[in-house]
Amino acid sequence: MGGSAHLHTGGDAVTWLLLAAVSVTALALHRFLVRRRRHRLGRAWSRWRTASFATGVLLAVSAVSPPLARLAHDDLTGHVVQHLLLGMFAPLALVLAAPVTLLLGALRPRAGRRLGAVLGRRGVHVLSHPAVAAVLDVGGLYALHLTPLYALSLREPVLHVLVHAHFLLAGCLFAWAVAGPDPAPRRPGTAVRAGVLVLAVAAHSTLAKLLYAAGGRFPPGAGAGAAEVERAAQWMYYGGDVAELLLAVALFAGWYRRGARTAGRRSGTGRKRTPVRGTPRTGVPA
């Protein structure tokens, strides 16, 4: 027993060191890009964007930290909390940090044009459509909880990591498609994005209700009792509501800001910006 506990503690220490290294590297890279952008464009980067990025990194690291990872392995409620942090709250914070805008402002003109060209490709346009992003995001939850995939991920470490990666990436893609401040060529209008968000909210809530009413039959093979599944479903339902409400606020706040800027330009009161020589023409707000 003592040897097992010692190995467990040692493994936790390695995990904490790895998470600390990832966090420090991400924050250091962000700071480097902020300084590069300020040097190139002569404008400071928003502190709110920086705070949002730091919050996203903190939430993502917390989601996979040893205490929550153990809870997620032993209890379905812990898994749902992990999903909420890694797949909904952390992606929203990271997306609102406008990382693509920051990167484009920090890159040299040629590199910026290449990145802009990638963003304009048809494949990226299709993948980043709100409807496609919603299917990848919410559809992944249905596949995980209504098939043996969840039970299998508990036994297979590689699959477990892939599920976490899907949570984070699909969550970022959906948040970016719906309310991201970064450039997205041919992005649908606010009405389409709001409609997709409403449908995604309904699908997420339906999954939570289905789990709650299933009496422990889902996820298949998980071996969770009805009370445990009901508790997890409640977390999924109400926690998802909070995250989706924040996403809706971000969507309509962006719509309001764009309307205010348009009105300002029409009335001649909008602040004019002098283009910086060498800045890549990617449609990125400075």
Protein backbone atom coordinates (compact mmCIF):
# COMPACT_ATOMS: atom_id res chain seq x y z
CA MET A 1 0.00 0.00 0.00
CA GLY A 2 2.78 2.44 0.95
CA GLY A 3 4.73 1.70 -2.24
CA SER A 4 1.62 2.23 -4.36
CA ALA A 5 0.91 5.55 -2.66
CA HIS A 6 4.52 6.61 -3.21
CA LEU A 7 4.29 5.82 -6.94
CA HIS A 8 0.98 7.66 -7.13
CA THR A 9 2.49 10.74 -5.46
CA GLY A 10 5.52 10.59 -7.74
CA GLY A 11 3.28 10.42 -10.80
CA ASP A 12 1.31 13.43 -9.58
CA ALA A 13 4.53 15.40 -9.14
CA VAL A 14 5.59 14.67 -12.71
CA THR A 15 2.15 15.67 -13.99
CA TRP A 16 2.21 18.93 -12.04
CA LEU A 17 5.67 19.75 -13.40
CA LEU A 18 4.52 19.03 -16.94
CA LEU A 19 1.41 21.20 -16.52
CA ALA A 20 3.49 24.00 -15.02
CA ALA A 21 5.91 23.81 -17.97
CA VAL A 22 3.05 23.95 -20.49
CA SER A 23 1.44 26.90 -18.69
CA VAL A 24 4.66 28.90 -18.42
CA THR A 25 5.52 28.21 -22.06
CA ALA A 26 2.07 29.29 -23.27
CA LEU A 27 2.09 32.49 -21.21
CA ALA A 28 5.69 33.31 -22.21
CA LEU A 29 4.84 32.83 -25.89
CA HIS A 30 1.79 35.06 -25.50
CA ARG A 31 3.91 37.79 -23.90
CA PHE A 32 6.48 37.48 -26.68
CA LEU A 33 3.79 37.92 -29.35
CA VAL A 34 2.32 40.92 -27.51
CA ARG A 35 5.72 42.62 -27.47
CA ARG A 36 6.31 41.77 -31.15
CA ARG A 37 2.94 43.22 -32.10
CA ARG A 38 3.57 46.40 -30.12
CA HIS A 39 6.95 46.79 -31.84
CA ARG A 40 5.50 46.23 -35.32
CA LEU A 41 2.25 48.20 -35.06
CA GLY A 42 3.05 50.68 -32.32
CA ARG A 43 -0.12 49.84 -30.34
CA ALA A 44 -0.59 48.13 -27.01
CA TRP A 45 -2.48 44.86 -26.77
CA SER A 46 -5.64 44.76 -24.69
CA ARG A 47 -5.04 43.70 -21.08
CA TRP A 48 -8.48 42.12 -21.11
CA ARG A 49 -7.38 39.87 -23.98
CA THR A 50 -4.26 38.89 -22.06
CA ALA A 51 -6.30 38.18 -18.92
CA SER A 52 -8.70 36.08 -20.98
CA PHE A 53 -5.84 34.02 -22.40
CA ALA A 54 -4.35 33.45 -18.95
CA THR A 55 -7.77 32.41 -17.64
CA GLY A 56 -8.21 29.94 -20.48
CA VAL A 57 -4.81 28.37 -19.81
CA LEU A 58 -5.58 28.15 -16.08
CA LEU A 59 -8.95 26.50 -16.70
CA ALA A 60 -7.52 23.99 -19.16
CA VAL A 61 -4.68 23.06 -16.80
CA SER A 62 -7.09 22.75 -13.87
CA ALA A 63 -9.28 20.39 -15.92
CA VAL A 64 -6.47 17.86 -16.38
CA SER A 65 -4.76 18.38 -13.01
CA PRO A 66 -4.24 15.23 -10.88
CA PRO A 67 -7.05 15.90 -8.34
CA LEU A 68 -9.73 16.45 -10.98
CA ALA A 69 -8.33 13.71 -13.20
CA ARG A 70 -8.69 11.20 -10.36
CA LEU A 71 -12.20 12.43 -9.59
CA ALA A 72 -13.15 12.20 -13.27
CA HIS A 73 -11.87 8.61 -13.41
CA ASP A 74 -13.78 7.52 -10.30
CA ASP A 75 -17.00 9.50 -10.62
CA LEU A 76 -19.06 10.54 -13.63
CA THR A 77 -19.70 13.93 -12.02
CA GLY A 78 -15.98 14.62 -12.02
CA HIS A 79 -15.88 13.70 -15.71
CA VAL A 80 -18.67 16.17 -16.48
CA VAL A 81 -16.93 18.95 -14.52
CA GLN A 82 -13.79 18.17 -16.49
CA HIS A 83 -15.77 18.36 -19.72
CA LEU A 84 -17.27 21.72 -18.75
CA LEU A 85 -13.87 23.23 -17.94
CA LEU A 86 -11.94 21.74 -20.83
CA GLY A 87 -14.62 21.78 -23.51
CA MET A 88 -16.64 24.92 -22.75
CA PHE A 89 -15.19 27.44 -20.30
CA ALA A 90 -11.50 27.22 -21.25
CA PRO A 91 -12.21 27.39 -25.02
CA LEU A 92 -14.40 30.47 -24.59
CA ALA A 93 -11.69 32.26 -22.61
CA LEU A 94 -8.99 31.29 -25.12
CA VAL A 95 -11.07 32.36 -28.11
CA LEU A 96 -12.01 35.72 -26.57
CA ALA A 97 -8.28 36.37 -26.20
CA ALA A 98 -8.20 36.76 -30.03
CA PRO A 99 -5.02 34.68 -30.51
CA VAL A 100 -5.16 34.75 -34.32
CA THR A 101 -5.41 38.53 -34.36
CA LEU A 102 -2.46 38.73 -32.01
CA LEU A 103 -0.42 36.32 -34.13
CA LEU A 104 -1.18 38.15 -37.37
CA GLY A 105 -0.13 41.44 -35.80
CA ALA A 106 3.12 39.93 -34.56
CA LEU A 107 4.13 38.13 -37.76
CA ARG A 108 6.13 39.65 -40.57
CA PRO A 109 4.09 40.67 -43.63
CA ARG A 110 4.92 37.61 -45.72
CA ALA A 111 4.13 35.17 -42.90
CA GLY A 112 0.95 37.11 -42.13
CA ARG A 113 -0.19 36.84 -45.73
CA ARG A 114 0.44 33.09 -45.69
CA LEU A 115 -1.59 32.66 -42.53
CA GLY A 116 -4.34 34.84 -43.99
CA ALA A 117 -4.37 32.63 -47.09
CA VAL A 118 -4.76 29.52 -44.93
CA LEU A 119 -7.69 31.10 -43.10
CA GLY A 120 -9.32 31.85 -46.44
CA ARG A 121 -9.17 28.29 -47.75
CA ARG A 122 -12.43 26.51 -48.45
CA GLY A 123 -11.64 23.67 -46.07
CA VAL A 124 -11.17 26.09 -43.17
CA HIS A 125 -14.35 27.90 -44.18
CA VAL A 126 -16.37 24.66 -44.11
CA LEU A 127 -14.82 23.44 -40.86
CA SER A 128 -15.39 26.77 -39.10
CA HIS A 129 -19.04 27.09 -40.14
CA PRO A 130 -21.09 27.26 -36.92
CA ALA A 131 -23.25 24.28 -37.92
CA VAL A 132 -20.24 22.05 -38.65
CA ALA A 133 -18.49 23.19 -35.47
CA ALA A 134 -21.63 22.46 -33.45
CA VAL A 135 -21.87 18.92 -34.83
CA LEU A 136 -18.22 18.26 -33.99
CA ASP A 137 -18.61 19.72 -30.51
CA VAL A 138 -22.02 18.54 -29.29
CA GLY A 139 -22.04 15.47 -31.52
CA GLY A 140 -18.84 14.33 -29.85
CA LEU A 141 -20.62 14.44 -26.48
CA TYR A 142 -23.42 12.23 -27.79
CA ALA A 143 -20.90 9.74 -29.18
CA LEU A 144 -18.99 9.66 -25.90
CA HIS A 145 -21.94 9.22 -23.56
CA LEU A 146 -24.34 7.08 -25.61
CA THR A 147 -21.80 4.52 -26.86
CA PRO A 148 -19.14 2.36 -25.16
CA LEU A 149 -16.55 5.04 -26.02
CA TYR A 150 -16.60 6.55 -22.53
CA ALA A 151 -15.95 3.21 -20.79
CA LEU A 152 -13.24 2.38 -23.32
CA SER A 153 -11.52 5.73 -22.74
CA LEU A 154 -11.22 4.90 -19.02
CA ARG A 155 -9.21 1.78 -19.90
CA GLU A 156 -7.13 3.13 -22.78
CA PRO A 157 -4.81 6.04 -21.85
CA VAL A 158 -4.16 7.10 -25.46
CA LEU A 159 -7.87 7.25 -26.22
CA HIS A 160 -8.39 9.17 -22.97
CA VAL A 161 -5.92 11.82 -24.12
CA LEU A 162 -7.54 11.98 -27.55
CA VAL A 163 -10.96 12.53 -25.96
CA HIS A 164 -9.56 15.44 -23.93
CA ALA A 165 -7.92 16.90 -27.01
CA HIS A 166 -11.23 16.68 -28.86
CA PHE A 167 -13.01 18.45 -26.02
CA LEU A 168 -10.60 21.37 -26.13
CA LEU A 169 -10.22 21.69 -29.91
CA ALA A 170 -13.91 21.20 -30.74
CA GLY A 171 -14.85 23.66 -27.98
CA CYS A 172 -12.43 26.27 -29.35
CA LEU A 173 -13.70 25.74 -32.89
CA PHE A 174 -17.33 26.17 -31.83
CA ALA A 175 -16.64 29.26 -29.69
CA TRP A 176 -14.61 30.80 -32.54
CA ALA A 177 -17.31 30.02 -35.12
CA VAL A 178 -20.08 31.52 -32.99
CA ALA A 179 -18.52 34.49 -31.20
CA GLY A 180 -14.79 34.66 -31.87
CA PRO A 181 -13.35 38.17 -32.34
CA ASP A 182 -10.69 36.77 -34.68
CA PRO A 183 -11.08 37.04 -38.47
CA ALA A 184 -13.12 34.28 -40.12
CA PRO A 185 -13.55 34.72 -43.88
CA ARG A 186 -17.14 34.37 -45.11
CA ARG A 187 -18.44 33.93 -41.56
CA PRO A 188 -22.27 33.75 -41.46
CA GLY A 189 -24.21 36.65 -39.99
CA THR A 190 -25.25 37.06 -36.39
CA ALA A 191 -28.72 35.59 -37.00
CA VAL A 192 -27.30 32.33 -38.36
CA ARG A 193 -24.77 32.02 -35.54
CA ALA A 194 -27.42 32.77 -32.92
CA GLY A 195 -29.72 30.15 -34.45
CA VAL A 196 -26.99 27.51 -34.40
CA LEU A 197 -26.19 28.40 -30.79
CA VAL A 198 -29.84 27.94 -29.81
CA LEU A 199 -29.90 24.51 -31.46
CA ALA A 200 -26.61 23.54 -29.79
CA VAL A 201 -28.01 24.58 -26.41
CA ALA A 202 -31.10 22.46 -27.03
CA ALA A 203 -28.99 19.46 -28.07
CA HIS A 204 -26.73 19.78 -25.03
CA SER A 205 -29.72 20.07 -22.68
CA THR A 206 -31.43 17.09 -24.34
CA LEU A 207 -28.36 14.92 -23.75
CA ALA A 208 -28.30 15.92 -20.08
CA LYS A 209 -32.01 15.10 -19.70
CA LEU A 210 -31.55 11.79 -21.50
CA LEU A 211 -28.76 10.79 -19.13
CA TYR A 212 -30.83 11.85 -16.14
CA ALA A 213 -33.83 9.81 -17.24
CA ALA A 214 -31.89 6.72 -18.32
CA GLY A 215 -31.57 5.29 -14.81
CA GLY A 216 -27.85 4.55 -15.10
CA ARG A 217 -28.00 2.79 -18.49
CA PHE A 218 -25.73 5.44 -19.99
CA PRO A 219 -22.85 5.70 -20.57
CA PRO A 220 -22.80 2.00 -21.56
CA GLY A 221 -20.26 -0.03 -19.64
CA ALA A 222 -19.39 2.76 -17.22
CA GLY A 223 -20.82 0.91 -14.24
CA ALA A 224 -22.25 4.11 -12.76
CA GLY A 225 -25.33 3.95 -10.56
CA ALA A 226 -28.50 5.88 -11.27
CA ALA A 227 -27.84 8.43 -8.50
CA GLU A 228 -24.32 9.12 -9.82
CA VAL A 229 -25.55 9.58 -13.39
CA GLU A 230 -28.38 11.87 -12.26
CA ARG A 231 -25.93 14.04 -10.34
CA ALA A 232 -23.60 14.21 -13.33
CA ALA A 233 -26.51 15.05 -15.66
CA GLN A 234 -27.48 17.97 -13.42
CA TRP A 235 -23.96 19.34 -13.60
CA MET A 236 -24.00 18.94 -17.37
CA TYR A 237 -27.36 20.69 -17.68
CA TYR A 238 -26.80 23.69 -15.41
CA GLY A 239 -23.07 24.07 -16.02
CA GLY A 240 -23.66 23.95 -19.76
CA ASP A 241 -26.33 26.63 -19.42
CA VAL A 242 -23.83 28.98 -17.75
CA ALA A 243 -21.17 28.41 -20.41
CA GLU A 244 -23.63 28.82 -23.27
CA LEU A 245 -25.06 31.98 -21.72
CA LEU A 246 -21.55 33.46 -21.61
CA LEU A 247 -21.07 32.46 -25.26
CA ALA A 248 -24.34 34.20 -26.16
CA VAL A 249 -23.23 37.33 -24.30
CA ALA A 250 -19.97 37.30 -26.25
CA LEU A 251 -21.86 36.89 -29.53
CA PHE A 252 -24.22 39.80 -28.98
CA ALA A 253 -21.52 42.00 -27.43
CA GLY A 254 -19.51 41.59 -30.63
CA TRP A 255 -22.60 42.37 -32.70
CA TYR A 256 -23.23 45.51 -30.65
CA ARG A 257 -19.61 46.71 -30.99
CA ARG A 258 -19.66 46.20 -34.76
CA GLY A 259 -22.90 48.15 -34.99
CA ALA A 260 -21.47 50.99 -32.90
CA ARG A 261 -18.35 51.19 -35.09
CA THR A 262 -20.44 51.21 -38.26
CA ALA A 263 -22.65 53.97 -36.88
CA GLY A 264 -19.58 55.93 -35.86
CA ARG A 265 -18.06 55.71 -39.33
CA ARG A 266 -21.32 56.79 -40.95
CA SER A 267 -21.61 59.81 -38.68
CA GLY A 268 -17.96 60.69 -39.11
CA THR A 269 -17.18 60.28 -35.42
CA GLY A 270 -15.33 56.98 -35.72
CA ARG A 271 -11.64 57.08 -34.90
CA LYS A 272 -9.56 56.88 -38.06
CA ARG A 273 -6.52 54.68 -38.07
CA THR A 274 -3.46 55.25 -40.20
CA PRO A 275 -2.33 52.03 -41.88
CA VAL A 276 1.06 50.81 -40.77
CA ARG A 277 3.46 50.20 -43.63
CA GLY A 278 4.09 46.53 -44.13
CA THR A 279 1.05 45.36 -42.24
CA PRO A 280 -0.43 42.28 -43.97
CA ARG A 281 -3.82 42.85 -45.55
CA THR A 282 -5.76 40.10 -43.80
CA GLY A 283 -8.78 41.99 -42.59
CA VAL A 284 -7.50 41.77 -39.02
CA PRO A 285 -8.47 44.53 -36.61
CA ALA A 286 -5.39 46.31 -35.34
